[in-house]
Amino acid sequence: MIKGKTALVTGSTSGIGLGIAEAFAKQGANIILNGFGDRAEIERLRVRLTESCKVNVAYDGEHMTKPDAVKASL
């Protein structure tokens, strides 16, 4: 049902948000990770999800309450 679709999951660099992103990826959804944290750790996470779930995983660190920043990053 969600295979091939793209999910932007806020707060997905750790905790519950990461769990949701992983669940979507396991079902075949491409993922845009969003959240704060160490860039190197987030990159390792992005690569791990890409390789283990065989989906496209990107990262956008923009704060979702700032629509102009989000639009500029797309």
Protein backbone atom coordinates (compact mmCIF):
# COMPACT_ATOMS: atom_id res chain seq x y z
CA MET A 1 0.00 0.00 0.00
CA ILE A 2 2.83 2.46 0.75
CA LYS A 3 5.54 0.80 -1.34
CA GLY A 4 7.15 3.39 -3.59
CA LYS A 5 5.59 6.35 -1.82
CA THR A 6 7.67 8.85 0.17
CA ALA A 7 7.18 9.60 3.86
CA LEU A 8 8.61 12.67 5.57
CA VAL A 9 8.90 11.66 9.22
CA THR A 10 9.61 14.47 11.66
CA GLY A 11 11.67 13.64 14.71
CA SER A 12 12.97 10.56 12.93
CA THR A 13 16.61 10.76 13.95
CA SER A 14 15.83 8.94 17.22
CA GLY A 15 13.13 7.46 19.42
CA ILE A 16 9.54 7.00 18.30
CA GLY A 17 10.05 8.99 15.10
CA LEU A 18 12.89 6.70 14.08
CA GLY A 19 10.72 3.68 14.84
CA ILE A 20 8.00 5.04 12.57
CA ALA A 21 10.50 5.77 9.78
CA GLU A 22 11.90 2.25 10.06
CA ALA A 23 8.41 0.72 9.93
CA PHE A 24 7.56 2.68 6.78
CA ALA A 25 10.90 1.76 5.18
CA LYS A 26 10.35 -1.94 5.93
CA GLN A 27 7.04 -1.65 4.05
CA GLY A 28 8.83 -0.17 1.02
CA ALA A 29 8.30 3.56 1.50
CA ASN A 30 11.10 5.95 0.65
CA ILE A 31 11.97 8.06 3.68
CA ILE A 32 12.95 11.64 4.38
CA LEU A 33 14.47 11.72 7.83
CA ASN A 34 14.02 14.95 9.74
CA GLY A 35 15.35 15.90 13.12
CA PHE A 36 18.32 17.16 15.03
CA GLY A 37 21.52 15.41 16.02
CA ASP A 38 25.05 14.60 15.04
CA ARG A 39 25.36 14.75 11.25
CA ALA A 40 27.72 11.77 11.09
CA GLU A 41 25.35 9.62 13.17
CA ILE A 42 22.39 10.67 11.01
CA GLU A 43 24.35 9.77 7.87
CA ARG A 44 25.12 6.29 9.30
CA LEU A 45 21.41 5.90 10.06
CA ARG A 46 20.47 7.02 6.54
CA VAL A 47 22.88 4.52 4.95
CA ARG A 48 21.74 1.69 7.26
CA LEU A 49 18.08 2.19 6.37
CA THR A 50 18.89 2.51 2.66
CA GLU A 51 20.86 -0.73 2.62
CA SER A 52 18.69 -2.81 4.95
CA CYS A 53 15.32 -1.82 3.48
CA LYS A 54 16.35 -1.23 -0.15
CA VAL A 55 14.57 2.15 -0.29
CA ASN A 56 15.72 5.72 -0.89
CA VAL A 57 16.45 7.57 2.33
CA ALA A 58 17.25 11.27 2.45
CA TYR A 59 17.79 13.68 5.32
CA ASP A 60 16.47 17.21 5.73
CA GLY A 61 17.39 18.98 8.95
CA GLU A 62 15.15 22.01 8.47
CA HIS A 63 12.89 22.98 11.34
CA MET A 64 9.35 22.10 10.23
CA THR A 65 7.87 25.21 11.88
CA LYS A 66 9.74 27.37 9.34
CA PRO A 67 7.91 26.77 6.04
CA ASP A 68 10.16 29.02 3.97
CA ALA A 69 13.25 27.05 5.01
CA VAL A 70 11.52 23.78 4.21
CA LYS A 71 10.43 24.97 0.76
CA ALA A 72 13.96 26.20 0.01
CA SER A 73 15.44 22.80 0.87
CA LEU A 74 13.18 20.83 -1.50
